[in-house]
Amino acid sequence: MSQTASVWLVIVAGFVAANLPFVLDRLVMAVYPLKTSKPLPVRLAELVAWYFLVGALGLALEHRASQIAPQGWEFYAVTGALFLTFAFPGFVWRYLFKRRRG
């Protein structure tokens, strides 16, 4: 896989993973079904877990392509902000979009 394809794979995986906690009403990485809706703190905890899983995917792809570059706190601040930005459509759909019930 080329480096460009690897970068796009991580970006698309990040976008999908950032929206999963808000789109699905399942617990434990979208596997365990719930009878009621998840509260916001649970969704945010899942968002953090998905952030680390996508980061692990990116790390694996970087290791496969070349030597892993050391990262400082700035890298994690930027990727965390990007992940939160990716999660915005799911948050809007879950909490701000008015849906007709019934």
PDB file of N, CA and C in Angstrom:
ATOM      1  N   MET A   1       0.842  -1.163   0.000  1.00  0.00           N
ATOM      2  CA  MET A   1       0.000   0.000   0.000  1.00  0.00           C
ATOM      3  C   MET A   1       0.895   1.236   0.000  1.00  0.00           C
ATOM      4  N   SER A   2       0.563   2.202  -0.808  1.00  0.00           N
ATOM      5  CA  SER A   2       1.368   3.422  -0.890  1.00  0.00           C
ATOM      6  C   SER A   2       1.133   4.298   0.338  1.00  0.00           C
ATOM      7  N   GLN A   3       2.021   5.267   0.536  1.00  0.00           N
ATOM      8  CA  GLN A   3       1.872   6.170   1.673  1.00  0.00           C
ATOM      9  C   GLN A   3       0.617   7.014   1.554  1.00  0.00           C
ATOM     10  N   THR A   4       0.294   7.432   0.356  1.00  0.00           N
ATOM     11  CA  THR A   4      -0.910   8.227   0.150  1.00  0.00           C
ATOM     12  C   THR A   4      -2.155   7.429   0.516  1.00  0.00           C
ATOM     13  N   ALA A   5      -2.204   6.177   0.104  1.00  0.00           N
ATOM     14  CA  ALA A   5      -3.340   5.325   0.446  1.00  0.00           C
ATOM     15  C   ALA A   5      -3.417   5.091   1.950  1.00  0.00           C
ATOM     16  N   SER A   6      -2.275   4.938   2.601  1.00  0.00           N
ATOM     17  CA  SER A   6      -2.255   4.749   4.052  1.00  0.00           C
ATOM     18  C   SER A   6      -2.792   5.976   4.773  1.00  0.00           C
ATOM     19  N   VAL A   7      -2.403   7.156   4.316  1.00  0.00           N
ATOM     20  CA  VAL A   7      -2.879   8.389   4.934  1.00  0.00           C
ATOM     21  C   VAL A   7      -4.387   8.502   4.777  1.00  0.00           C
ATOM     22  N   TRP A   8      -4.889   8.248   3.580  1.00  0.00           N
ATOM     23  CA  TRP A   8      -6.332   8.343   3.363  1.00  0.00           C
ATOM     24  C   TRP A   8      -7.093   7.277   4.138  1.00  0.00           C
ATOM     25  N   LEU A   9      -6.505   6.099   4.297  1.00  0.00           N
ATOM     26  CA  LEU A   9      -7.137   5.053   5.091  1.00  0.00           C
ATOM     27  C   LEU A   9      -7.292   5.502   6.544  1.00  0.00           C
ATOM     28  N   VAL A  10      -6.266   6.115   7.102  1.00  0.00           N
ATOM     29  CA  VAL A  10      -6.346   6.591   8.490  1.00  0.00           C
ATOM     30  C   VAL A  10      -7.357   7.724   8.611  1.00  0.00           C
ATOM     31  N   ILE A  11      -7.406   8.619   7.640  1.00  0.00           N
ATOM     32  CA  ILE A  11      -8.360   9.731   7.689  1.00  0.00           C
ATOM     33  C   ILE A  11      -9.795   9.210   7.607  1.00  0.00           C
ATOM     34  N   VAL A  12     -10.070   8.306   6.706  1.00  0.00           N
ATOM     35  CA  VAL A  12     -11.429   7.762   6.576  1.00  0.00           C
ATOM     36  C   VAL A  12     -11.792   6.935   7.814  1.00  0.00           C
ATOM     37  N   ALA A  13     -10.854   6.131   8.302  1.00  0.00           N
ATOM     38  CA  ALA A  13     -11.111   5.352   9.518  1.00  0.00           C
ATOM     39  C   ALA A  13     -11.373   6.280  10.700  1.00  0.00           C
ATOM     40  N   GLY A  14     -10.642   7.385  10.776  1.00  0.00           N
ATOM     41  CA  GLY A  14     -10.863   8.353  11.848  1.00  0.00           C
ATOM     42  C   GLY A  14     -12.236   8.985  11.772  1.00  0.00           C
ATOM     43  N   PHE A  15     -12.670   9.343  10.575  1.00  0.00           N
ATOM     44  CA  PHE A  15     -13.988   9.951  10.414  1.00  0.00           C
ATOM     45  C   PHE A  15     -15.090   8.969  10.804  1.00  0.00           C
ATOM     46  N   VAL A  16     -14.983   7.745  10.342  1.00  0.00           N
ATOM     47  CA  VAL A  16     -16.004   6.736  10.661  1.00  0.00           C
ATOM     48  C   VAL A  16     -16.000   6.432  12.165  1.00  0.00           C
ATOM     49  N   ALA A  17     -14.814   6.220  12.731  1.00  0.00           N
ATOM     50  CA  ALA A  17     -14.711   5.865  14.145  1.00  0.00           C
ATOM     51  C   ALA A  17     -15.168   7.006  15.051  1.00  0.00           C
ATOM     52  N   ALA A  18     -14.933   8.236  14.654  1.00  0.00           N
ATOM     53  CA  ALA A  18     -15.346   9.372  15.477  1.00  0.00           C
ATOM     54  C   ALA A  18     -16.863   9.504  15.536  1.00  0.00           C
ATOM     55  N   ASN A  19     -17.556   9.025  14.534  1.00  0.00           N
ATOM     56  CA  ASN A  19     -19.009   9.142  14.508  1.00  0.00           C
ATOM     57  C   ASN A  19     -19.727   7.914  15.063  1.00  0.00           C
ATOM     58  N   LEU A  20     -19.041   6.802  15.200  1.00  0.00           N
ATOM     59  CA  LEU A  20     -19.689   5.582  15.686  1.00  0.00           C
ATOM     60  C   LEU A  20     -20.327   5.722  17.063  1.00  0.00           C
ATOM     61  N   PRO A  21     -19.682   6.349  18.049  1.00  0.00           N
ATOM     62  CA  PRO A  21     -20.342   6.440  19.363  1.00  0.00           C
ATOM     63  C   PRO A  21     -21.655   7.210  19.337  1.00  0.00           C
ATOM     64  N   PHE A  22     -21.821   8.112  18.394  1.00  0.00           N
ATOM     65  CA  PHE A  22     -23.035   8.918  18.337  1.00  0.00           C
ATOM     66  C   PHE A  22     -24.108   8.301  17.445  1.00  0.00           C
ATOM     67  N   VAL A  23     -23.707   7.477  16.507  1.00  0.00           N
ATOM     68  CA  VAL A  23     -24.661   6.888  15.567  1.00  0.00           C
ATOM     69  C   VAL A  23     -25.243   5.590  16.115  1.00  0.00           C
ATOM     70  N   LEU A  24     -24.428   4.779  16.765  1.00  0.00           N
ATOM     71  CA  LEU A  24     -24.873   3.476  17.248  1.00  0.00           C
ATOM     72  C   LEU A  24     -25.236   3.528  18.727  1.00  0.00           C
ATOM     73  N   ASP A  25     -26.310   2.841  19.094  1.00  0.00           N
ATOM     74  CA  ASP A  25     -26.685   2.698  20.496  1.00  0.00           C
ATOM     75  C   ASP A  25     -26.238   1.337  21.012  1.00  0.00           C
ATOM     76  N   ARG A  26     -25.002   1.036  20.793  1.00  0.00           N
ATOM     77  CA  ARG A  26     -24.417  -0.203  21.296  1.00  0.00           C
ATOM     78  C   ARG A  26     -23.200   0.144  22.128  1.00  0.00           C
ATOM     79  N   LEU A  27     -22.886  -0.713  23.072  1.00  0.00           N
ATOM     80  CA  LEU A  27     -21.781  -0.473  23.985  1.00  0.00           C
ATOM     81  C   LEU A  27     -20.610  -1.375  23.632  1.00  0.00           C
ATOM     82  N   VAL A  28     -19.467  -1.070  24.121  1.00  0.00           N
ATOM     83  CA  VAL A  28     -18.234  -1.837  23.941  1.00  0.00           C
ATOM     84  C   VAL A  28     -17.914  -1.986  22.458  1.00  0.00           C
ATOM     85  N   MET A  29     -17.532  -0.876  21.864  1.00  0.00           N
ATOM     86  CA  MET A  29     -17.092  -0.831  20.476  1.00  0.00           C
ATOM     87  C   MET A  29     -18.125  -1.380  19.507  1.00  0.00           C
ATOM     88  N   ALA A  30     -19.366  -1.002  19.713  1.00  0.00           N
ATOM     89  CA  ALA A  30     -20.469  -1.305  18.800  1.00  0.00           C
ATOM     90  C   ALA A  30     -20.835  -2.786  18.748  1.00  0.00           C
ATOM     91  N   VAL A  31     -20.590  -3.535  19.838  1.00  0.00           N
ATOM     92  CA  VAL A  31     -20.883  -4.963  19.837  1.00  0.00           C
ATOM     93  C   VAL A  31     -22.059  -5.302  20.741  1.00  0.00           C
ATOM     94  N   TYR A  32     -22.081  -4.782  21.960  1.00  0.00           N
ATOM     95  CA  TYR A  32     -23.074  -5.144  22.959  1.00  0.00           C
ATOM     96  C   TYR A  32     -24.312  -4.249  22.844  1.00  0.00           C
ATOM     97  N   PRO A  33     -25.481  -4.816  22.517  1.00  0.00           N
ATOM     98  CA  PRO A  33     -26.682  -3.981  22.364  1.00  0.00           C
ATOM     99  C   PRO A  33     -27.231  -3.537  23.721  1.00  0.00           C
ATOM    100  N   LEU A  34     -27.788  -2.325  23.759  1.00  0.00           N
ATOM    101  CA  LEU A  34     -28.401  -1.777  24.962  1.00  0.00           C
ATOM    102  C   LEU A  34     -29.893  -1.591  24.745  1.00  0.00           C
ATOM    103  N   LYS A  35     -30.650  -1.623  25.854  1.00  0.00           N
ATOM    104  CA  LYS A  35     -32.091  -1.414  25.758  1.00  0.00           C
ATOM    105  C   LYS A  35     -32.435   0.071  25.782  1.00  0.00           C
ATOM    106  N   THR A  36     -31.577   0.892  26.401  1.00  0.00           N
ATOM    107  CA  THR A  36     -31.806   2.330  26.455  1.00  0.00           C
ATOM    108  C   THR A  36     -30.658   3.055  25.755  1.00  0.00           C
ATOM    109  N   SER A  37     -30.837   4.325  25.557  1.00  0.00           N
ATOM    110  CA  SER A  37     -29.810   5.130  24.904  1.00  0.00           C
ATOM    111  C   SER A  37     -28.632   5.362  25.844  1.00  0.00           C
ATOM    112  N   LYS A  38     -27.437   5.436  25.279  1.00  0.00           N
ATOM    113  CA  LYS A  38     -26.235   5.675  26.080  1.00  0.00           C
ATOM    114  C   LYS A  38     -26.189   7.129  26.520  1.00  0.00           C
ATOM    115  N   PRO A  39     -25.731   7.385  27.759  1.00  0.00           N
ATOM    116  CA  PRO A  39     -25.542   8.784  28.167  1.00  0.00           C
ATOM    117  C   PRO A  39     -24.298   9.383  27.515  1.00  0.00           C
ATOM    118  N   LEU A  40     -24.220  10.701  27.503  1.00  0.00           N
ATOM    119  CA  LEU A  40     -23.114  11.403  26.857  1.00  0.00           C
ATOM    120  C   LEU A  40     -21.739  11.014  27.410  1.00  0.00           C
ATOM    121  N   PRO A  41     -21.542  10.862  28.734  1.00  0.00           N
ATOM    122  CA  PRO A  41     -20.208  10.465  29.212  1.00  0.00           C
ATOM    123  C   PRO A  41     -19.736   9.111  28.662  1.00  0.00           C
ATOM    124  N   VAL A  42     -20.653   8.188  28.481  1.00  0.00           N
ATOM    125  CA  VAL A  42     -20.299   6.892  27.898  1.00  0.00           C
ATOM    126  C   VAL A  42     -19.895   7.073  26.441  1.00  0.00           C
ATOM    127  N   ARG A  43     -20.617   7.904  25.726  1.00  0.00           N
ATOM    128  CA  ARG A  43     -20.273   8.171  24.323  1.00  0.00           C
ATOM    129  C   ARG A  43     -18.899   8.826  24.215  1.00  0.00           C
ATOM    130  N   LEU A  44     -18.591   9.748  25.120  1.00  0.00           N
ATOM    131  CA  LEU A  44     -17.278  10.402  25.096  1.00  0.00           C
ATOM    132  C   LEU A  44     -16.159   9.425  25.447  1.00  0.00           C
ATOM    133  N   ALA A  45     -16.420   8.507  26.383  1.00  0.00           N
ATOM    134  CA  ALA A  45     -15.418   7.484  26.712  1.00  0.00           C
ATOM    135  C   ALA A  45     -15.152   6.580  25.507  1.00  0.00           C
ATOM    136  N   GLU A  46     -16.209   6.222  24.795  1.00  0.00           N
ATOM    137  CA  GLU A  46     -16.032   5.427  23.579  1.00  0.00           C
ATOM    138  C   GLU A  46     -15.284   6.221  22.513  1.00  0.00           C
ATOM    139  N   LEU A  47     -15.533   7.519  22.450  1.00  0.00           N
ATOM    140  CA  LEU A  47     -14.827   8.372  21.493  1.00  0.00           C
ATOM    141  C   LEU A  47     -13.320   8.347  21.767  1.00  0.00           C
ATOM    142  N   VAL A  48     -12.941   8.406  23.028  1.00  0.00           N
ATOM    143  CA  VAL A  48     -11.516   8.341  23.395  1.00  0.00           C
ATOM    144  C   VAL A  48     -10.936   6.974  23.025  1.00  0.00           C
ATOM    145  N   ALA A  49     -11.694   5.919  23.285  1.00  0.00           N
ATOM    146  CA  ALA A  49     -11.212   4.578  22.936  1.00  0.00           C
ATOM    147  C   ALA A  49     -11.026   4.437  21.424  1.00  0.00           C
ATOM    148  N   TRP A  50     -11.972   4.968  20.645  1.00  0.00           N
ATOM    149  CA  TRP A  50     -11.835   4.916  19.182  1.00  0.00           C
ATOM    150  C   TRP A  50     -10.642   5.741  18.714  1.00  0.00           C
ATOM    151  N   TYR A  51     -10.384   6.872  19.398  1.00  0.00           N
ATOM    152  CA  TYR A  51      -9.218   7.698  19.052  1.00  0.00           C
ATOM    153  C   TYR A  51      -7.933   6.873  19.171  1.00  0.00           C
ATOM    154  N   PHE A  52      -7.815   6.123  20.260  1.00  0.00           N
ATOM    155  CA  PHE A  52      -6.603   5.318  20.449  1.00  0.00           C
ATOM    156  C   PHE A  52      -6.529   4.154  19.460  1.00  0.00           C
ATOM    157  N   LEU A  53      -7.667   3.593  19.094  1.00  0.00           N
ATOM    158  CA  LEU A  53      -7.648   2.505  18.103  1.00  0.00           C
ATOM    159  C   LEU A  53      -7.243   3.010  16.718  1.00  0.00           C
ATOM    160  N   VAL A  54      -7.751   4.151  16.320  1.00  0.00           N
ATOM    161  CA  VAL A  54      -7.348   4.723  15.029  1.00  0.00           C
ATOM    162  C   VAL A  54      -5.878   5.133  15.082  1.00  0.00           C
ATOM    163  N   GLY A  55      -5.438   5.645  16.226  1.00  0.00           N
ATOM    164  CA  GLY A  55      -4.023   5.962  16.394  1.00  0.00           C
ATOM    165  C   GLY A  55      -3.147   4.727  16.282  1.00  0.00           C
ATOM    166  N   ALA A  56      -3.614   3.608  16.821  1.00  0.00           N
ATOM    167  CA  ALA A  56      -2.864   2.353  16.701  1.00  0.00           C
ATOM    168  C   ALA A  56      -2.798   1.902  15.242  1.00  0.00           C
ATOM    169  N   LEU A  57      -3.888   2.094  14.504  1.00  0.00           N
ATOM    170  CA  LEU A  57      -3.872   1.772  13.073  1.00  0.00           C
ATOM    171  C   LEU A  57      -2.849   2.635  12.345  1.00  0.00           C
ATOM    172  N   GLY A  58      -2.846   3.933  12.631  1.00  0.00           N
ATOM    173  CA  GLY A  58      -1.873   4.827  12.009  1.00  0.00           C
ATOM    174  C   GLY A  58      -0.441   4.457  12.372  1.00  0.00           C
ATOM    175  N   LEU A  59      -0.229   4.090  13.626  1.00  0.00           N
ATOM    176  CA  LEU A  59       1.107   3.679  14.068  1.00  0.00           C
ATOM    177  C   LEU A  59       1.555   2.405  13.355  1.00  0.00           C
ATOM    178  N   ALA A  60       0.625   1.458  13.193  1.00  0.00           N
ATOM    179  CA  ALA A  60       0.953   0.215  12.492  1.00  0.00           C
ATOM    180  C   ALA A  60       1.292   0.476  11.021  1.00  0.00           C
ATOM    181  N   LEU A  61       0.529   1.349  10.393  1.00  0.00           N
ATOM    182  CA  LEU A  61       0.811   1.666   8.990  1.00  0.00           C
ATOM    183  C   LEU A  61       2.130   2.419   8.851  1.00  0.00           C
ATOM    184  N   GLU A  62       2.436   3.294   9.810  1.00  0.00           N
ATOM    185  CA  GLU A  62       3.705   4.015   9.765  1.00  0.00           C
ATOM    186  C   GLU A  62       4.879   3.064   9.986  1.00  0.00           C
ATOM    187  N   HIS A  63       4.709   2.123  10.898  1.00  0.00           N
ATOM    188  CA  HIS A  63       5.768   1.141  11.155  1.00  0.00           C
ATOM    189  C   HIS A  63       6.004   0.255   9.935  1.00  0.00           C
ATOM    190  N   ARG A  64       4.924  -0.060   9.238  1.00  0.00           N
ATOM    191  CA  ARG A  64       5.030  -0.894   8.040  1.00  0.00           C
ATOM    192  C   ARG A  64       5.749  -0.152   6.909  1.00  0.00           C
ATOM    193  N   ALA A  65       5.524   1.168   6.826  1.00  0.00           N
ATOM    194  CA  ALA A  65       6.104   1.944   5.732  1.00  0.00           C
ATOM    195  C   ALA A  65       7.544   2.348   5.995  1.00  0.00           C
ATOM    196  N   SER A  66       7.850   2.688   7.242  1.00  0.00           N
ATOM    197  CA  SER A  66       9.200   3.154   7.565  1.00  0.00           C
ATOM    198  C   SER A  66       9.376   3.149   9.070  1.00  0.00           C
ATOM    199  N   GLN A  67      10.395   3.827   9.516  1.00  0.00           N
ATOM    200  CA  GLN A  67      10.662   3.931  10.947  1.00  0.00           C
ATOM    201  C   GLN A  67       9.658   4.886  11.586  1.00  0.00           C
ATOM    202  N   ILE A  68       9.232   4.564  12.805  1.00  0.00           N
ATOM    203  CA  ILE A  68       8.245   5.384  13.498  1.00  0.00           C
ATOM    204  C   ILE A  68       8.908   6.660  13.996  1.00  0.00           C
ATOM    205  N   ALA A  69       8.321   7.805  13.662  1.00  0.00           N
ATOM    206  CA  ALA A  69       8.857   9.099  14.077  1.00  0.00           C
ATOM    207  C   ALA A  69       8.358   9.428  15.483  1.00  0.00           C
ATOM    208  N   PRO A  70       9.229   9.953  16.350  1.00  0.00           N
ATOM    209  CA  PRO A  70       8.780  10.342  17.692  1.00  0.00           C
ATOM    210  C   PRO A  70       7.841  11.552  17.610  1.00  0.00           C
ATOM    211  N   GLN A  71       6.828  11.579  18.477  1.00  0.00           N
ATOM    212  CA  GLN A  71       5.835  12.649  18.461  1.00  0.00           C
ATOM    213  C   GLN A  71       5.800  13.337  19.818  1.00  0.00           C
ATOM    214  N   GLY A  72       5.616  14.636  19.808  1.00  0.00           N
ATOM    215  CA  GLY A  72       5.470  15.409  21.037  1.00  0.00           C
ATOM    216  C   GLY A  72       4.006  15.646  21.346  1.00  0.00           C
ATOM    217  N   TRP A  73       3.758  16.435  22.381  1.00  0.00           N
ATOM    218  CA  TRP A  73       2.387  16.691  22.804  1.00  0.00           C
ATOM    219  C   TRP A  73       1.599  17.442  21.739  1.00  0.00           C
ATOM    220  N   GLU A  74       2.281  18.206  20.911  1.00  0.00           N
ATOM    221  CA  GLU A  74       1.593  18.973  19.874  1.00  0.00           C
ATOM    222  C   GLU A  74       0.868  18.059  18.892  1.00  0.00           C
ATOM    223  N   PHE A  75       1.514  16.952  18.548  1.00  0.00           N
ATOM    224  CA  PHE A  75       0.920  15.985  17.620  1.00  0.00           C
ATOM    225  C   PHE A  75      -0.386  15.455  18.183  1.00  0.00           C
ATOM    226  N   TYR A  76      -0.389  15.076  19.455  1.00  0.00           N
ATOM    227  CA  TYR A  76      -1.586  14.508  20.069  1.00  0.00           C
ATOM    228  C   TYR A  76      -2.671  15.569  20.259  1.00  0.00           C
ATOM    229  N   ALA A  77      -2.276  16.810  20.513  1.00  0.00           N
ATOM    230  CA  ALA A  77      -3.260  17.890  20.623  1.00  0.00           C
ATOM    231  C   ALA A  77      -3.947  18.126  19.280  1.00  0.00           C
ATOM    232  N   VAL A  78      -3.182  18.132  18.210  1.00  0.00           N
ATOM    233  CA  VAL A  78      -3.750  18.371  16.879  1.00  0.00           C
ATOM    234  C   VAL A  78      -4.614  17.192  16.434  1.00  0.00           C
ATOM    235  N   THR A  79      -4.140  15.964  16.628  1.00  0.00           N
ATOM    236  CA  THR A  79      -4.937  14.813  16.200  1.00  0.00           C
ATOM    237  C   THR A  79      -6.200  14.664  17.054  1.00  0.00           C
ATOM    238  N   GLY A  80      -6.112  15.009  18.341  1.00  0.00           N
ATOM    239  CA  GLY A  80      -7.304  14.975  19.185  1.00  0.00           C
ATOM    240  C   GLY A  80      -8.328  16.000  18.732  1.00  0.00           C
ATOM    241  N   ALA A  81      -7.868  17.205  18.393  1.00  0.00           N
ATOM    242  CA  ALA A  81      -8.777  18.234  17.895  1.00  0.00           C
ATOM    243  C   ALA A  81      -9.382  17.822  16.550  1.00  0.00           C
ATOM    244  N   LEU A  82      -8.587  17.209  15.695  1.00  0.00           N
ATOM    245  CA  LEU A  82      -9.100  16.727  14.413  1.00  0.00           C
ATOM    246  C   LEU A  82     -10.138  15.634  14.619  1.00  0.00           C
ATOM    247  N   PHE A  83      -9.891  14.738  15.568  1.00  0.00           N
ATOM    248  CA  PHE A  83     -10.838  13.664  15.849  1.00  0.00           C
ATOM    249  C   PHE A  83     -12.155  14.229  16.383  1.00  0.00           C
ATOM    250  N   LEU A  84     -12.075  15.246  17.249  1.00  0.00           N
ATOM    251  CA  LEU A  84     -13.294  15.889  17.742  1.00  0.00           C
ATOM    252  C   LEU A  84     -14.037  16.597  16.612  1.00  0.00           C
ATOM    253  N   THR A  85     -13.296  17.192  15.690  1.00  0.00           N
ATOM    254  CA  THR A  85     -13.924  17.829  14.532  1.00  0.00           C
ATOM    255  C   THR A  85     -14.619  16.792  13.659  1.00  0.00           C
ATOM    256  N   PHE A  86     -13.981  15.640  13.489  1.00  0.00           N
ATOM    257  CA  PHE A  86     -14.603  14.557  12.731  1.00  0.00           C
ATOM    258  C   PHE A  86     -15.881  14.062  13.412  1.00  0.00           C
ATOM    259  N   ALA A  87     -15.951  14.143  14.745  1.00  0.00           N
ATOM    260  CA  ALA A  87     -17.108  13.640  15.490  1.00  0.00           C
ATOM    261  C   ALA A  87     -18.293  14.600  15.443  1.00  0.00           C
ATOM    262  N   PHE A  88     -18.084  15.807  14.968  1.00  0.00           N
ATOM    263  CA  PHE A  88     -19.148  16.813  14.990  1.00  0.00           C
ATOM    264  C   PHE A  88     -20.415  16.390  14.237  1.00  0.00           C
ATOM    265  N   PRO A  89     -20.339  15.795  13.033  1.00  0.00           N
ATOM    266  CA  PRO A  89     -21.589  15.391  12.361  1.00  0.00           C
ATOM    267  C   PRO A  89     -22.403  14.383  13.179  1.00  0.00           C
ATOM    268  N   GLY A  90     -21.737  13.434  13.809  1.00  0.00           N
ATOM    269  CA  GLY A  90     -22.453  12.463  14.635  1.00  0.00           C
ATOM    270  C   GLY A  90     -23.078  13.103  15.856  1.00  0.00           C
ATOM    271  N   PHE A  91     -22.371  14.045  16.483  1.00  0.00           N
ATOM    272  CA  PHE A  91     -22.906  14.762  17.637  1.00  0.00           C
ATOM    273  C   PHE A  91     -24.135  15.569  17.245  1.00  0.00           C
ATOM    274  N   VAL A  92     -24.051  16.266  16.123  1.00  0.00           N
ATOM    275  CA  VAL A  92     -25.191  17.058  15.650  1.00  0.00           C
ATOM    276  C   VAL A  92     -26.376  16.152  15.346  1.00  0.00           C
ATOM    277  N   TRP A  93     -26.130  15.033  14.706  1.00  0.00           N
ATOM    278  CA  TRP A  93     -27.214  14.115  14.372  1.00  0.00           C
ATOM    279  C   TRP A  93     -27.876  13.571  15.632  1.00  0.00           C
ATOM    280  N   ARG A  94     -27.083  13.258  16.657  1.00  0.00           N
ATOM    281  CA  ARG A  94     -27.618  12.660  17.878  1.00  0.00           C
ATOM    282  C   ARG A  94     -28.317  13.683  18.771  1.00  0.00           C
ATOM    283  N   TYR A  95     -27.721  14.853  18.977  1.00  0.00           N
ATOM    284  CA  TYR A  95     -28.207  15.773  20.004  1.00  0.00           C
ATOM    285  C   TYR A  95     -28.853  17.052  19.485  1.00  0.00           C
ATOM    286  N   LEU A  96     -28.527  17.505  18.309  1.00  0.00           N
ATOM    287  CA  LEU A  96     -29.040  18.790  17.851  1.00  0.00           C
ATOM    288  C   LEU A  96     -30.069  18.694  16.739  1.00  0.00           C
ATOM    289  N   PHE A  97     -30.056  17.640  15.979  1.00  0.00           N
ATOM    290  CA  PHE A  97     -31.001  17.472  14.872  1.00  0.00           C
ATOM    291  C   PHE A  97     -32.345  17.029  15.420  1.00  0.00           C
ATOM    292  N   LYS A  98     -33.394  17.748  15.075  1.00  0.00           N
ATOM    293  CA  LYS A  98     -34.728  17.409  15.567  1.00  0.00           C
ATOM    294  C   LYS A  98     -35.334  16.336  14.674  1.00  0.00           C
ATOM    295  N   ARG A  99     -35.584  15.178  15.281  1.00  0.00           N
ATOM    296  CA  ARG A  99     -36.188  14.064  14.548  1.00  0.00           C
ATOM    297  C   ARG A  99     -37.617  13.868  15.056  1.00  0.00           C
ATOM    298  N   ARG A 100     -38.466  13.509  14.119  1.00  0.00           N
ATOM    299  CA  ARG A 100     -39.843  13.229  14.489  1.00  0.00           C
ATOM    300  C   ARG A 100     -39.917  11.823  15.085  1.00  0.00           C
ATOM    301  N   ARG A 101     -40.470  11.704  16.270  1.00  0.00           N
ATOM    302  CA  ARG A 101     -40.609  10.406  16.940  1.00  0.00           C
ATOM    303  C   ARG A 101     -41.987   9.831  16.609  1.00  0.00           C
ATOM    304  N   GLY A 102     -42.005   8.516  16.354  1.00  0.00           N
ATOM    305  CA  GLY A 102     -43.299   7.905  16.179  1.00  0.00           C
ATOM    306  C   GLY A 102     -43.561   7.335  14.878  1.00  0.00           C
TER     307      GLY A 102
END
